[in-house]
């Protein structure tokens, strides 16, 4: 049952490889669903781990966040 649920969830995901020095936005808290901004950022990726985590520079601190909570930052021109 777990494998079936994971396959269903992962079917909607687009594979993306994050790179160091790339800009990303971070998903906001669940309670802020109806707030003005659903995402925070952009922040710079400082390290990419092979376990599905990225380290981002948030100013004074560096934070390690799961890639499910991060999206690539792009500016539409």
C-alpha atoms as a PDB file:
ATOM      1  CA  UNK A   1       0.000   0.000   0.000  1.00  0.00           C
ATOM      2  CA  UNK A   2       2.879   2.404   0.822  1.00  0.00           C
ATOM      3  CA  UNK A   3       4.509   1.786  -2.561  1.00  0.00           C
ATOM      4  CA  UNK A   4       1.229   2.485  -4.347  1.00  0.00           C
ATOM      5  CA  UNK A   5       0.721   5.748  -2.443  1.00  0.00           C
ATOM      6  CA  UNK A   6       4.301   6.895  -3.134  1.00  0.00           C
ATOM      7  CA  UNK A   7       3.942   6.077  -6.821  1.00  0.00           C
ATOM      8  CA  UNK A   8       0.737   8.114  -6.992  1.00  0.00           C
ATOM      9  CA  UNK A   9       2.326  11.129  -5.227  1.00  0.00           C
ATOM     10  CA  UNK A  10       5.535  11.035  -7.238  1.00  0.00           C
ATOM     11  CA  UNK A  11       3.635  10.864 -10.525  1.00  0.00           C
ATOM     12  CA  UNK A  12       2.771  14.567 -10.138  1.00  0.00           C
ATOM     13  CA  UNK A  13       6.356  15.660  -9.379  1.00  0.00           C
ATOM     14  CA  UNK A  14       8.674  17.038 -12.026  1.00  0.00           C
ATOM     15  CA  UNK A  15      12.253  15.863 -11.502  1.00  0.00           C
ATOM     16  CA  UNK A  16      14.640  18.768 -10.952  1.00  0.00           C
ATOM     17  CA  UNK A  17      18.319  18.839 -10.010  1.00  0.00           C
ATOM     18  CA  UNK A  18      19.220  21.746  -7.759  1.00  0.00           C
ATOM     19  CA  UNK A  19      22.663  23.293  -8.161  1.00  0.00           C
ATOM     20  CA  UNK A  20      24.861  25.377  -5.862  1.00  0.00           C
ATOM     21  CA  UNK A  21      24.409  29.174  -6.286  1.00  0.00           C
ATOM     22  CA  UNK A  22      20.923  28.676  -7.735  1.00  0.00           C
ATOM     23  CA  UNK A  23      18.011  30.791  -6.460  1.00  0.00           C
ATOM     24  CA  UNK A  24      15.039  29.017  -4.839  1.00  0.00           C
ATOM     25  CA  UNK A  25      11.844  29.952  -3.014  1.00  0.00           C
ATOM     26  CA  UNK A  26      10.674  28.154   0.126  1.00  0.00           C
ATOM     27  CA  UNK A  27       7.090  27.060   0.736  1.00  0.00           C
ATOM     28  CA  UNK A  28       5.459  28.941   3.605  1.00  0.00           C
ATOM     29  CA  UNK A  29       3.846  27.404   6.650  1.00  0.00           C
ATOM     30  CA  UNK A  30       0.594  25.479   6.261  1.00  0.00           C
ATOM     31  CA  UNK A  31      -1.265  27.967   8.459  1.00  0.00           C
ATOM     32  CA  UNK A  32      -0.276  30.752   6.050  1.00  0.00           C
ATOM     33  CA  UNK A  33      -2.164  29.154   3.164  1.00  0.00           C
ATOM     34  CA  UNK A  34      -4.400  32.155   2.681  1.00  0.00           C
ATOM     35  CA  UNK A  35      -1.772  34.767   3.506  1.00  0.00           C
ATOM     36  CA  UNK A  36      -0.466  37.261   0.961  1.00  0.00           C
ATOM     37  CA  UNK A  37       2.651  35.242   0.180  1.00  0.00           C
ATOM     38  CA  UNK A  38       2.667  31.462  -0.015  1.00  0.00           C
ATOM     39  CA  UNK A  39       6.434  31.363  -0.609  1.00  0.00           C
ATOM     40  CA  UNK A  40       9.421  33.087   0.970  1.00  0.00           C
ATOM     41  CA  UNK A  41      12.602  34.044  -0.778  1.00  0.00           C
ATOM     42  CA  UNK A  42      14.454  33.955  -3.088  1.00  0.00           C
ATOM     43  CA  UNK A  43      17.355  32.307  -1.288  1.00  0.00           C
ATOM     44  CA  UNK A  44      20.641  30.932  -2.603  1.00  0.00           C
ATOM     45  CA  UNK A  45      21.456  27.208  -2.485  1.00  0.00           C
ATOM     46  CA  UNK A  46      24.801  26.642  -0.726  1.00  0.00           C
ATOM     47  CA  UNK A  47      24.901  22.815  -0.786  1.00  0.00           C
ATOM     48  CA  UNK A  48      22.933  19.923  -2.248  1.00  0.00           C
ATOM     49  CA  UNK A  49      22.752  16.645  -0.335  1.00  0.00           C
ATOM     50  CA  UNK A  50      21.995  13.310  -1.984  1.00  0.00           C
ATOM     51  CA  UNK A  51      19.274  12.492   0.582  1.00  0.00           C
ATOM     52  CA  UNK A  52      16.743  14.985  -0.798  1.00  0.00           C
ATOM     53  CA  UNK A  53      17.866  17.980   1.252  1.00  0.00           C
ATOM     54  CA  UNK A  54      19.324  21.332   0.198  1.00  0.00           C
ATOM     55  CA  UNK A  55      21.191  23.836   2.345  1.00  0.00           C
ATOM     56  CA  UNK A  56      20.139  27.431   1.699  1.00  0.00           C
ATOM     57  CA  UNK A  57      21.554  30.766   2.797  1.00  0.00           C
ATOM     58  CA  UNK A  58      18.836  32.730   4.622  1.00  0.00           C
ATOM     59  CA  UNK A  59      20.945  35.752   5.507  1.00  0.00           C
ATOM     60  CA  UNK A  60      22.484  35.253   8.933  1.00  0.00           C
ATOM     61  CA  UNK A  61      21.718  31.524   9.091  1.00  0.00           C
ATOM     62  CA  UNK A  62      22.039  28.534   6.758  1.00  0.00           C
ATOM     63  CA  UNK A  63      19.102  26.143   6.863  1.00  0.00           C
ATOM     64  CA  UNK A  64      18.696  22.585   5.560  1.00  0.00           C
ATOM     65  CA  UNK A  65      15.316  22.053   3.884  1.00  0.00           C
ATOM     66  CA  UNK A  66      13.695  19.107   2.110  1.00  0.00           C
ATOM     67  CA  UNK A  67      13.364  19.513  -1.663  1.00  0.00           C
ATOM     68  CA  UNK A  68       9.590  19.003  -1.380  1.00  0.00           C
ATOM     69  CA  UNK A  69       9.388  22.415   0.316  1.00  0.00           C
ATOM     70  CA  UNK A  70      11.591  24.214  -2.227  1.00  0.00           C
ATOM     71  CA  UNK A  71      10.846  25.401  -5.754  1.00  0.00           C
ATOM     72  CA  UNK A  72      13.191  26.893  -8.359  1.00  0.00           C
ATOM     73  CA  UNK A  73      13.023  30.681  -8.567  1.00  0.00           C
ATOM     74  CA  UNK A  74      12.506  32.028 -12.045  1.00  0.00           C
ATOM     75  CA  UNK A  75      11.609  35.459 -13.302  1.00  0.00           C
ATOM     76  CA  UNK A  76       9.219  35.494 -16.242  1.00  0.00           C
ATOM     77  CA  UNK A  77      10.273  38.109 -18.760  1.00  0.00           C
END
